[in-house]
Amino acid sequence: MTQEPTLTSGVVEPSKPAVVNAGDYLNKLAGERIERECRLRLQEGCDEIIVNFSETELVNSIGVSILLGIIDSASNKGAKVVFSDVKQETIELFDLLGVTKHVDVEIRDRLQQSLW
């Protein structure tokens, strides 16, 4: 069952990042939910959005396209986007597609990777 992305921070202050969970499969539906959350947080004045990939196993091409739109929207508002807890395979995909040129990526802890 696909987990829905969720916002883990409550009230967003401009100096605090908003954290959005990507869920287990980043496709069109999940991507649109993430995009809505990110746009809402940007409208509220958030200056950093962290997309948490800790539960994400798969990212499809539409998901990548939506992520690029989020990065572009954040950039236009002067906000930073960080992808956190990203699996190595997903980082390789983002590298191949050029996504990592536009976003900070935090690699999942190597100990955690060995447990997966």
N, C-alpha and C. Protein backbone atom coordinates (compact mmCIF):
# COMPACT_ATOMS: atom_id res chain seq x y z
N MET A 1 0.84 -1.17 0.00
CA MET A 1 0.00 0.00 0.00
C MET A 1 0.89 1.24 0.00
N THR A 2 0.59 2.19 -0.86
CA THR A 2 1.37 3.41 -0.97
C THR A 2 1.04 4.33 0.18
N GLN A 3 2.10 4.82 0.83
CA GLN A 3 1.91 5.75 1.93
C GLN A 3 1.83 7.15 1.37
N GLU A 4 0.90 7.93 1.92
CA GLU A 4 0.76 9.31 1.47
C GLU A 4 1.83 10.18 2.08
N PRO A 5 2.34 11.14 1.32
CA PRO A 5 3.29 12.08 1.89
C PRO A 5 2.62 12.86 3.01
N THR A 6 3.36 13.16 4.04
CA THR A 6 2.79 13.91 5.15
C THR A 6 3.72 15.04 5.54
N LEU A 7 3.12 16.06 6.10
CA LEU A 7 3.88 17.18 6.63
C LEU A 7 4.17 16.86 8.09
N THR A 8 5.45 16.92 8.46
CA THR A 8 5.78 16.59 9.84
C THR A 8 5.99 17.81 10.70
N SER A 9 6.15 18.97 10.11
CA SER A 9 6.24 20.17 10.94
C SER A 9 4.87 20.81 10.99
N GLY A 10 4.53 21.38 12.10
CA GLY A 10 3.22 21.99 12.26
C GLY A 10 3.23 23.40 11.72
N VAL A 11 3.19 24.37 12.60
CA VAL A 11 3.20 25.76 12.20
C VAL A 11 4.59 26.10 11.66
N VAL A 12 4.61 26.70 10.51
CA VAL A 12 5.88 27.01 9.88
C VAL A 12 6.25 28.46 10.16
N GLU A 13 7.40 28.65 10.74
CA GLU A 13 7.95 29.98 10.90
C GLU A 13 8.96 30.18 9.78
N PRO A 14 9.13 31.40 9.27
CA PRO A 14 10.04 31.61 8.16
C PRO A 14 11.45 31.07 8.38
N SER A 15 11.91 31.02 9.63
CA SER A 15 13.26 30.55 9.87
C SER A 15 13.34 29.04 10.08
N LYS A 16 12.21 28.36 10.11
CA LYS A 16 12.21 26.92 10.34
C LYS A 16 11.87 26.18 9.05
N PRO A 17 12.53 25.06 8.81
CA PRO A 17 12.21 24.30 7.60
C PRO A 17 10.91 23.52 7.76
N ALA A 18 10.24 23.30 6.64
CA ALA A 18 9.09 22.42 6.61
C ALA A 18 9.59 21.06 6.11
N VAL A 19 9.14 20.00 6.75
CA VAL A 19 9.55 18.65 6.36
C VAL A 19 8.34 17.94 5.77
N VAL A 20 8.50 17.45 4.54
CA VAL A 20 7.44 16.72 3.85
C VAL A 20 7.97 15.32 3.55
N ASN A 21 7.22 14.30 3.96
CA ASN A 21 7.62 12.92 3.69
C ASN A 21 7.16 12.52 2.30
N ALA A 22 8.06 11.91 1.54
CA ALA A 22 7.77 11.55 0.15
C ALA A 22 6.91 10.30 0.04
N GLY A 23 6.85 9.47 1.08
CA GLY A 23 6.09 8.23 0.99
C GLY A 23 6.95 7.13 0.38
N ASP A 24 6.35 5.98 0.11
CA ASP A 24 7.15 4.84 -0.36
C ASP A 24 7.30 4.77 -1.87
N TYR A 25 6.38 5.39 -2.62
CA TYR A 25 6.46 5.37 -4.08
C TYR A 25 6.13 6.75 -4.60
N LEU A 26 7.11 7.42 -5.17
CA LEU A 26 6.92 8.79 -5.66
C LEU A 26 6.49 8.73 -7.12
N ASN A 27 5.18 8.77 -7.31
CA ASN A 27 4.59 8.77 -8.64
C ASN A 27 3.78 10.05 -8.81
N LYS A 28 2.86 10.08 -9.78
CA LYS A 28 2.07 11.29 -10.05
C LYS A 28 1.24 11.69 -8.83
N LEU A 29 0.51 10.76 -8.25
CA LEU A 29 -0.37 11.09 -7.12
C LEU A 29 0.42 11.59 -5.92
N ALA A 30 1.44 10.85 -5.54
CA ALA A 30 2.27 11.26 -4.39
C ALA A 30 2.97 12.58 -4.69
N GLY A 31 3.46 12.72 -5.90
CA GLY A 31 4.15 13.95 -6.30
C GLY A 31 3.25 15.16 -6.22
N GLU A 32 2.00 15.01 -6.65
CA GLU A 32 1.07 16.13 -6.58
C GLU A 32 0.77 16.52 -5.13
N ARG A 33 0.69 15.54 -4.24
CA ARG A 33 0.46 15.84 -2.83
C ARG A 33 1.67 16.59 -2.24
N ILE A 34 2.86 16.12 -2.57
CA ILE A 34 4.08 16.79 -2.11
C ILE A 34 4.12 18.22 -2.64
N GLU A 35 3.79 18.37 -3.91
CA GLU A 35 3.81 19.69 -4.54
C GLU A 35 2.84 20.65 -3.84
N ARG A 36 1.63 20.18 -3.53
CA ARG A 36 0.66 21.03 -2.82
C ARG A 36 1.20 21.46 -1.46
N GLU A 37 1.75 20.52 -0.72
CA GLU A 37 2.31 20.84 0.60
C GLU A 37 3.44 21.86 0.49
N CYS A 38 4.33 21.63 -0.47
CA CYS A 38 5.47 22.54 -0.62
C CYS A 38 5.01 23.94 -1.03
N ARG A 39 4.08 24.03 -1.96
CA ARG A 39 3.57 25.34 -2.37
C ARG A 39 2.91 26.07 -1.21
N LEU A 40 2.15 25.33 -0.41
CA LEU A 40 1.51 25.92 0.76
C LEU A 40 2.56 26.47 1.73
N ARG A 41 3.58 25.69 1.99
CA ARG A 41 4.64 26.13 2.92
C ARG A 41 5.38 27.34 2.37
N LEU A 42 5.62 27.35 1.05
CA LEU A 42 6.28 28.51 0.44
C LEU A 42 5.42 29.76 0.57
N GLN A 43 4.11 29.61 0.38
CA GLN A 43 3.20 30.74 0.52
C GLN A 43 3.18 31.26 1.95
N GLU A 44 3.41 30.37 2.91
CA GLU A 44 3.45 30.76 4.32
C GLU A 44 4.77 31.42 4.70
N GLY A 45 5.71 31.45 3.77
CA GLY A 45 6.98 32.12 4.02
C GLY A 45 8.13 31.21 4.41
N CYS A 46 7.94 29.91 4.29
CA CYS A 46 9.01 28.97 4.63
C CYS A 46 10.20 29.20 3.70
N ASP A 47 11.41 29.21 4.27
CA ASP A 47 12.59 29.45 3.44
C ASP A 47 13.41 28.18 3.19
N GLU A 48 12.96 27.05 3.72
CA GLU A 48 13.63 25.77 3.46
C GLU A 48 12.62 24.64 3.53
N ILE A 49 12.62 23.82 2.51
CA ILE A 49 11.75 22.64 2.46
C ILE A 49 12.63 21.41 2.42
N ILE A 50 12.37 20.50 3.34
CA ILE A 50 13.10 19.23 3.37
C ILE A 50 12.13 18.14 2.94
N VAL A 51 12.46 17.46 1.85
CA VAL A 51 11.66 16.33 1.40
C VAL A 51 12.35 15.07 1.92
N ASN A 52 11.66 14.35 2.79
CA ASN A 52 12.21 13.18 3.45
C ASN A 52 11.92 11.93 2.62
N PHE A 53 12.99 11.29 2.15
CA PHE A 53 12.87 10.09 1.33
C PHE A 53 13.15 8.81 2.12
N SER A 54 13.08 8.86 3.44
CA SER A 54 13.47 7.71 4.25
C SER A 54 12.64 6.46 3.97
N GLU A 55 11.40 6.63 3.53
CA GLU A 55 10.54 5.48 3.25
C GLU A 55 10.39 5.21 1.76
N THR A 56 11.06 6.00 0.94
CA THR A 56 10.86 5.93 -0.50
C THR A 56 11.69 4.81 -1.12
N GLU A 57 11.01 3.92 -1.80
CA GLU A 57 11.66 2.80 -2.49
C GLU A 57 11.76 3.04 -3.98
N LEU A 58 10.75 3.73 -4.56
CA LEU A 58 10.72 3.95 -6.00
C LEU A 58 10.35 5.39 -6.32
N VAL A 59 10.98 5.91 -7.37
CA VAL A 59 10.65 7.24 -7.89
C VAL A 59 10.51 7.08 -9.40
N ASN A 60 9.34 7.43 -9.94
CA ASN A 60 9.19 7.31 -11.39
C ASN A 60 9.43 8.66 -12.07
N SER A 61 9.37 8.66 -13.40
CA SER A 61 9.72 9.85 -14.16
C SER A 61 8.79 11.03 -13.89
N ILE A 62 7.52 10.76 -13.68
CA ILE A 62 6.58 11.84 -13.37
C ILE A 62 6.91 12.43 -12.00
N GLY A 63 7.27 11.57 -11.06
CA GLY A 63 7.69 12.05 -9.73
C GLY A 63 8.88 12.97 -9.82
N VAL A 64 9.86 12.60 -10.65
CA VAL A 64 11.05 13.44 -10.84
C VAL A 64 10.65 14.78 -11.44
N SER A 65 9.77 14.75 -12.42
CA SER A 65 9.32 15.98 -13.06
C SER A 65 8.65 16.92 -12.06
N ILE A 66 7.83 16.35 -11.18
CA ILE A 66 7.16 17.16 -10.17
C ILE A 66 8.18 17.72 -9.18
N LEU A 67 9.17 16.93 -8.80
CA LEU A 67 10.23 17.42 -7.91
C LEU A 67 10.96 18.61 -8.53
N LEU A 68 11.23 18.53 -9.83
CA LEU A 68 11.88 19.66 -10.51
C LEU A 68 11.02 20.92 -10.45
N GLY A 69 9.71 20.74 -10.57
CA GLY A 69 8.80 21.88 -10.45
C GLY A 69 8.83 22.49 -9.06
N ILE A 70 8.93 21.63 -8.04
CA ILE A 70 9.02 22.10 -6.66
C ILE A 70 10.31 22.90 -6.46
N ILE A 71 11.40 22.36 -6.99
CA ILE A 71 12.70 23.05 -6.88
C ILE A 71 12.62 24.42 -7.55
N ASP A 72 12.00 24.47 -8.72
CA ASP A 72 11.87 25.73 -9.46
C ASP A 72 11.02 26.74 -8.68
N SER A 73 9.89 26.27 -8.14
CA SER A 73 9.02 27.16 -7.35
C SER A 73 9.75 27.71 -6.13
N ALA A 74 10.48 26.84 -5.45
CA ALA A 74 11.22 27.27 -4.26
C ALA A 74 12.29 28.29 -4.64
N SER A 75 12.99 28.02 -5.73
CA SER A 75 14.04 28.93 -6.19
C SER A 75 13.46 30.31 -6.50
N ASN A 76 12.30 30.34 -7.13
CA ASN A 76 11.66 31.61 -7.46
C ASN A 76 11.25 32.39 -6.21
N LYS A 77 11.03 31.70 -5.11
CA LYS A 77 10.67 32.35 -3.84
C LYS A 77 11.89 32.58 -2.96
N GLY A 78 13.08 32.20 -3.44
CA GLY A 78 14.29 32.37 -2.65
C GLY A 78 14.45 31.33 -1.55
N ALA A 79 13.77 30.20 -1.69
CA ALA A 79 13.82 29.14 -0.68
C ALA A 79 14.74 28.01 -1.15
N LYS A 80 15.21 27.26 -0.20
CA LYS A 80 16.11 26.14 -0.44
C LYS A 80 15.33 24.83 -0.32
N VAL A 81 15.69 23.84 -1.17
CA VAL A 81 15.10 22.51 -1.09
C VAL A 81 16.19 21.51 -0.77
N VAL A 82 15.91 20.65 0.19
CA VAL A 82 16.84 19.60 0.59
C VAL A 82 16.12 18.27 0.48
N PHE A 83 16.77 17.29 -0.12
CA PHE A 83 16.25 15.92 -0.12
C PHE A 83 17.02 15.17 0.96
N SER A 84 16.31 14.63 1.95
CA SER A 84 17.00 13.95 3.05
C SER A 84 16.73 12.45 3.04
N ASP A 85 17.66 11.72 3.64
CA ASP A 85 17.56 10.27 3.81
C ASP A 85 17.29 9.55 2.49
N VAL A 86 18.03 9.94 1.47
CA VAL A 86 17.82 9.38 0.13
C VAL A 86 18.67 8.12 -0.04
N LYS A 87 18.04 7.07 -0.55
CA LYS A 87 18.77 5.83 -0.83
C LYS A 87 19.78 6.06 -1.96
N GLN A 88 20.87 5.31 -1.94
CA GLN A 88 21.92 5.46 -2.93
C GLN A 88 21.39 5.28 -4.35
N GLU A 89 20.50 4.32 -4.57
CA GLU A 89 19.95 4.08 -5.90
C GLU A 89 19.18 5.29 -6.41
N THR A 90 18.47 5.95 -5.50
CA THR A 90 17.70 7.13 -5.88
C THR A 90 18.63 8.30 -6.17
N ILE A 91 19.70 8.42 -5.41
CA ILE A 91 20.68 9.47 -5.67
C ILE A 91 21.30 9.28 -7.05
N GLU A 92 21.59 8.03 -7.40
CA GLU A 92 22.15 7.75 -8.72
C GLU A 92 21.19 8.16 -9.82
N LEU A 93 19.89 7.91 -9.62
CA LEU A 93 18.88 8.34 -10.59
C LEU A 93 18.86 9.86 -10.68
N PHE A 94 18.84 10.54 -9.53
CA PHE A 94 18.83 12.00 -9.53
C PHE A 94 20.09 12.57 -10.18
N ASP A 95 21.24 11.93 -9.96
CA ASP A 95 22.49 12.35 -10.62
C ASP A 95 22.37 12.22 -12.13
N LEU A 96 21.90 11.08 -12.57
CA LEU A 96 21.76 10.80 -14.01
C LEU A 96 20.86 11.82 -14.69
N LEU A 97 19.81 12.23 -14.00
CA LEU A 97 18.84 13.17 -14.57
C LEU A 97 19.18 14.63 -14.30
N GLY A 98 20.25 14.88 -13.57
CA GLY A 98 20.69 16.25 -13.32
C GLY A 98 19.97 16.96 -12.17
N VAL A 99 19.16 16.23 -11.41
CA VAL A 99 18.42 16.84 -10.31
C VAL A 99 19.35 17.33 -9.21
N THR A 100 20.42 16.60 -8.97
CA THR A 100 21.32 16.94 -7.86
C THR A 100 22.08 18.24 -8.09
N LYS A 101 22.02 18.78 -9.29
CA LYS A 101 22.65 20.08 -9.56
C LYS A 101 21.84 21.23 -8.95
N HIS A 102 20.58 20.95 -8.62
CA HIS A 102 19.66 22.01 -8.20
C HIS A 102 19.15 21.88 -6.78
N VAL A 103 19.62 20.86 -6.06
CA VAL A 103 19.10 20.59 -4.72
C VAL A 103 20.20 19.99 -3.86
N ASP A 104 20.13 20.24 -2.55
CA ASP A 104 21.04 19.57 -1.63
C ASP A 104 20.49 18.19 -1.32
N VAL A 105 21.36 17.18 -1.34
CA VAL A 105 20.93 15.81 -1.07
C VAL A 105 21.71 15.27 0.12
N GLU A 106 20.97 14.78 1.10
CA GLU A 106 21.59 14.14 2.26
C GLU A 106 21.42 12.64 2.10
N ILE A 107 22.55 11.94 2.04
CA ILE A 107 22.54 10.49 1.83
C ILE A 107 22.11 9.79 3.11
N ARG A 108 21.31 8.76 2.93
CA ARG A 108 20.92 7.94 4.07
C ARG A 108 22.16 7.38 4.73
N ASP A 109 22.18 7.40 6.04
CA ASP A 109 23.30 6.88 6.81
C ASP A 109 23.70 5.49 6.33
N ARG A 110 24.98 5.28 6.14
CA ARG A 110 25.45 3.99 5.60
C ARG A 110 25.06 2.81 6.49
N LEU A 111 25.00 3.00 7.79
CA LEU A 111 24.56 1.94 8.68
C LEU A 111 23.10 1.61 8.39
N GLN A 112 22.29 2.64 8.22
CA GLN A 112 20.88 2.41 7.89
C GLN A 112 20.78 1.68 6.56
N GLN A 113 21.59 2.05 5.57
CA GLN A 113 21.54 1.39 4.28
C GLN A 113 21.81 -0.09 4.41
N SER A 114 22.75 -0.47 5.26
CA SER A 114 23.08 -1.88 5.38
C SER A 114 21.95 -2.65 6.06
N LEU A 115 21.10 -1.95 6.80
CA LEU A 115 19.97 -2.61 7.45
C LEU A 115 18.78 -2.80 6.52
N TRP A 116 18.75 -2.05 5.41
CA TRP A 116 17.63 -2.14 4.49
C TRP A 116 17.77 -3.31 3.64
